[in-house]
C-alpha atoms as a PDB file:
ATOM      1  CA  UNK A   1       0.000   0.000   0.000  1.00  0.00           C
ATOM      2  CA  UNK A   2       2.874   2.376   0.775  1.00  0.00           C
ATOM      3  CA  UNK A   3       4.344   1.983  -2.723  1.00  0.00           C
ATOM      4  CA  UNK A   4       1.005   2.713  -4.354  1.00  0.00           C
ATOM      5  CA  UNK A   5       0.467   5.803  -2.199  1.00  0.00           C
ATOM      6  CA  UNK A   6       4.006   7.056  -2.892  1.00  0.00           C
ATOM      7  CA  UNK A   7       3.549   6.571  -6.634  1.00  0.00           C
ATOM      8  CA  UNK A   8       0.185   8.340  -6.677  1.00  0.00           C
ATOM      9  CA  UNK A   9       1.495  11.200  -4.542  1.00  0.00           C
ATOM     10  CA  UNK A  10       4.524  11.633  -6.800  1.00  0.00           C
ATOM     11  CA  UNK A  11       2.313  11.693  -9.890  1.00  0.00           C
ATOM     12  CA  UNK A  12       0.010  14.257  -8.330  1.00  0.00           C
ATOM     13  CA  UNK A  13       2.925  16.474  -7.313  1.00  0.00           C
ATOM     14  CA  UNK A  14       4.393  16.243 -10.830  1.00  0.00           C
ATOM     15  CA  UNK A  15       1.017  17.118 -12.384  1.00  0.00           C
ATOM     16  CA  UNK A  16       0.700  20.174 -10.139  1.00  0.00           C
ATOM     17  CA  UNK A  17       4.262  21.278 -10.909  1.00  0.00           C
ATOM     18  CA  UNK A  18       3.716  20.805 -14.648  1.00  0.00           C
ATOM     19  CA  UNK A  19       0.504  22.810 -14.504  1.00  0.00           C
ATOM     20  CA  UNK A  20       2.402  25.598 -12.750  1.00  0.00           C
ATOM     21  CA  UNK A  21       4.947  25.648 -15.588  1.00  0.00           C
ATOM     22  CA  UNK A  22       7.781  24.047 -13.644  1.00  0.00           C
ATOM     23  CA  UNK A  23      10.191  21.537 -15.136  1.00  0.00           C
ATOM     24  CA  UNK A  24       9.637  17.955 -14.050  1.00  0.00           C
ATOM     25  CA  UNK A  25      11.587  14.744 -14.507  1.00  0.00           C
ATOM     26  CA  UNK A  26       8.740  12.896 -16.214  1.00  0.00           C
ATOM     27  CA  UNK A  27       8.494  12.937 -19.996  1.00  0.00           C
ATOM     28  CA  UNK A  28       5.526  14.882 -21.266  1.00  0.00           C
ATOM     29  CA  UNK A  29       4.119  15.390 -24.725  1.00  0.00           C
ATOM     30  CA  UNK A  30       2.067  18.417 -25.562  1.00  0.00           C
ATOM     31  CA  UNK A  31       1.104  18.674 -29.223  1.00  0.00           C
ATOM     32  CA  UNK A  32       1.542  22.087 -30.777  1.00  0.00           C
ATOM     33  CA  UNK A  33      -1.514  24.248 -31.280  1.00  0.00           C
ATOM     34  CA  UNK A  34      -3.057  24.015 -34.717  1.00  0.00           C
ATOM     35  CA  UNK A  35      -4.722  26.641 -36.898  1.00  0.00           C
ATOM     36  CA  UNK A  36      -8.022  24.893 -37.531  1.00  0.00           C
ATOM     37  CA  UNK A  37      -9.284  27.478 -40.037  1.00  0.00           C
ATOM     38  CA  UNK A  38      -6.084  27.172 -42.068  1.00  0.00           C
ATOM     39  CA  UNK A  39      -6.299  23.388 -41.972  1.00  0.00           C
ATOM     40  CA  UNK A  40      -9.884  23.501 -43.203  1.00  0.00           C
ATOM     41  CA  UNK A  41      -8.988  25.964 -45.966  1.00  0.00           C
ATOM     42  CA  UNK A  42      -6.042  23.782 -47.031  1.00  0.00           C
ATOM     43  CA  UNK A  43      -8.468  20.904 -47.468  1.00  0.00           C
ATOM     44  CA  UNK A  44     -10.876  23.085 -49.440  1.00  0.00           C
ATOM     45  CA  UNK A  45     -13.822  22.323 -47.171  1.00  0.00           C
ATOM     46  CA  UNK A  46     -16.639  24.457 -45.845  1.00  0.00           C
ATOM     47  CA  UNK A  47     -17.195  24.532 -42.108  1.00  0.00           C
ATOM     48  CA  UNK A  48     -20.207  22.246 -42.502  1.00  0.00           C
ATOM     49  CA  UNK A  49     -18.293  19.745 -44.644  1.00  0.00           C
ATOM     50  CA  UNK A  50     -15.231  19.717 -42.375  1.00  0.00           C
ATOM     51  CA  UNK A  51     -17.361  19.241 -39.268  1.00  0.00           C
ATOM     52  CA  UNK A  52     -19.365  16.435 -40.860  1.00  0.00           C
ATOM     53  CA  UNK A  53     -16.389  14.591 -42.342  1.00  0.00           C
ATOM     54  CA  UNK A  54     -14.351  14.623 -39.136  1.00  0.00           C
ATOM     55  CA  UNK A  55     -17.208  14.165 -36.625  1.00  0.00           C
ATOM     56  CA  UNK A  56     -16.832  17.572 -34.996  1.00  0.00           C
ATOM     57  CA  UNK A  57     -19.800  19.683 -33.989  1.00  0.00           C
ATOM     58  CA  UNK A  58     -20.063  22.764 -36.169  1.00  0.00           C
ATOM     59  CA  UNK A  59     -20.440  24.934 -33.064  1.00  0.00           C
ATOM     60  CA  UNK A  60     -17.159  23.600 -31.675  1.00  0.00           C
ATOM     61  CA  UNK A  61     -15.439  24.152 -35.018  1.00  0.00           C
ATOM     62  CA  UNK A  62     -16.629  27.748 -35.114  1.00  0.00           C
ATOM     63  CA  UNK A  63     -15.362  28.368 -31.575  1.00  0.00           C
ATOM     64  CA  UNK A  64     -11.952  26.971 -32.559  1.00  0.00           C
ATOM     65  CA  UNK A  65     -11.779  29.084 -35.693  1.00  0.00           C
ATOM     66  CA  UNK A  66     -12.783  32.269 -33.837  1.00  0.00           C
ATOM     67  CA  UNK A  67     -10.257  31.538 -31.103  1.00  0.00           C
ATOM     68  CA  UNK A  68     -12.875  31.412 -28.337  1.00  0.00           C
ATOM     69  CA  UNK A  69     -11.669  27.912 -27.521  1.00  0.00           C
ATOM     70  CA  UNK A  70      -8.738  25.731 -28.454  1.00  0.00           C
ATOM     71  CA  UNK A  71      -8.828  22.055 -29.314  1.00  0.00           C
ATOM     72  CA  UNK A  72      -7.139  19.837 -26.748  1.00  0.00           C
ATOM     73  CA  UNK A  73      -6.740  16.184 -25.903  1.00  0.00           C
ATOM     74  CA  UNK A  74      -8.113  13.706 -28.449  1.00  0.00           C
ATOM     75  CA  UNK A  75      -9.540  16.477 -30.651  1.00  0.00           C
ATOM     76  CA  UNK A  76      -6.110  18.080 -30.989  1.00  0.00           C
ATOM     77  CA  UNK A  77      -4.572  14.693 -31.767  1.00  0.00           C
ATOM     78  CA  UNK A  78      -7.226  14.077 -34.440  1.00  0.00           C
ATOM     79  CA  UNK A  79      -6.577  17.465 -36.035  1.00  0.00           C
ATOM     80  CA  UNK A  80      -2.836  16.773 -36.220  1.00  0.00           C
ATOM     81  CA  UNK A  81      -3.512  13.462 -37.947  1.00  0.00           C
ATOM     82  CA  UNK A  82      -5.964  15.177 -40.314  1.00  0.00           C
ATOM     83  CA  UNK A  83      -3.276  17.758 -41.129  1.00  0.00           C
ATOM     84  CA  UNK A  84      -0.766  15.039 -42.035  1.00  0.00           C
ATOM     85  CA  UNK A  85      -2.984  12.297 -43.479  1.00  0.00           C
ATOM     86  CA  UNK A  86      -6.503  13.571 -44.219  1.00  0.00           C
ATOM     87  CA  UNK A  87      -7.340  10.767 -46.643  1.00  0.00           C
ATOM     88  CA  UNK A  88      -6.351   8.096 -44.118  1.00  0.00           C
ATOM     89  CA  UNK A  89      -8.659   9.673 -41.528  1.00  0.00           C
ATOM     90  CA  UNK A  90     -11.490   9.889 -44.058  1.00  0.00           C
ATOM     91  CA  UNK A  91     -10.993   6.210 -44.978  1.00  0.00           C
ATOM     92  CA  UNK A  92     -10.990   5.225 -41.309  1.00  0.00           C
ATOM     93  CA  UNK A  93     -14.131   7.232 -40.554  1.00  0.00           C
ATOM     94  CA  UNK A  94     -15.917   6.471 -43.808  1.00  0.00           C
END
């Protein structure tokens, strides 16, 4: 039980430090931000088409493009894959 507690406590402390912008020993991966409007334009799609093809709500897409919100987590990962291999994503989703 002590090992589990120590491991959880260490992880929590590292998460707090990372959130505060401090350097930590653990490896982290934060994908770069992506310009969703530029990505959509590069693909030649309307907002409605882009949202439909990649299973994103049009409201969310509009917020991203206006800069009200930023994609994060799985949505950001999806957008990076779309940027590099849009046809592969379309095949997988289609």
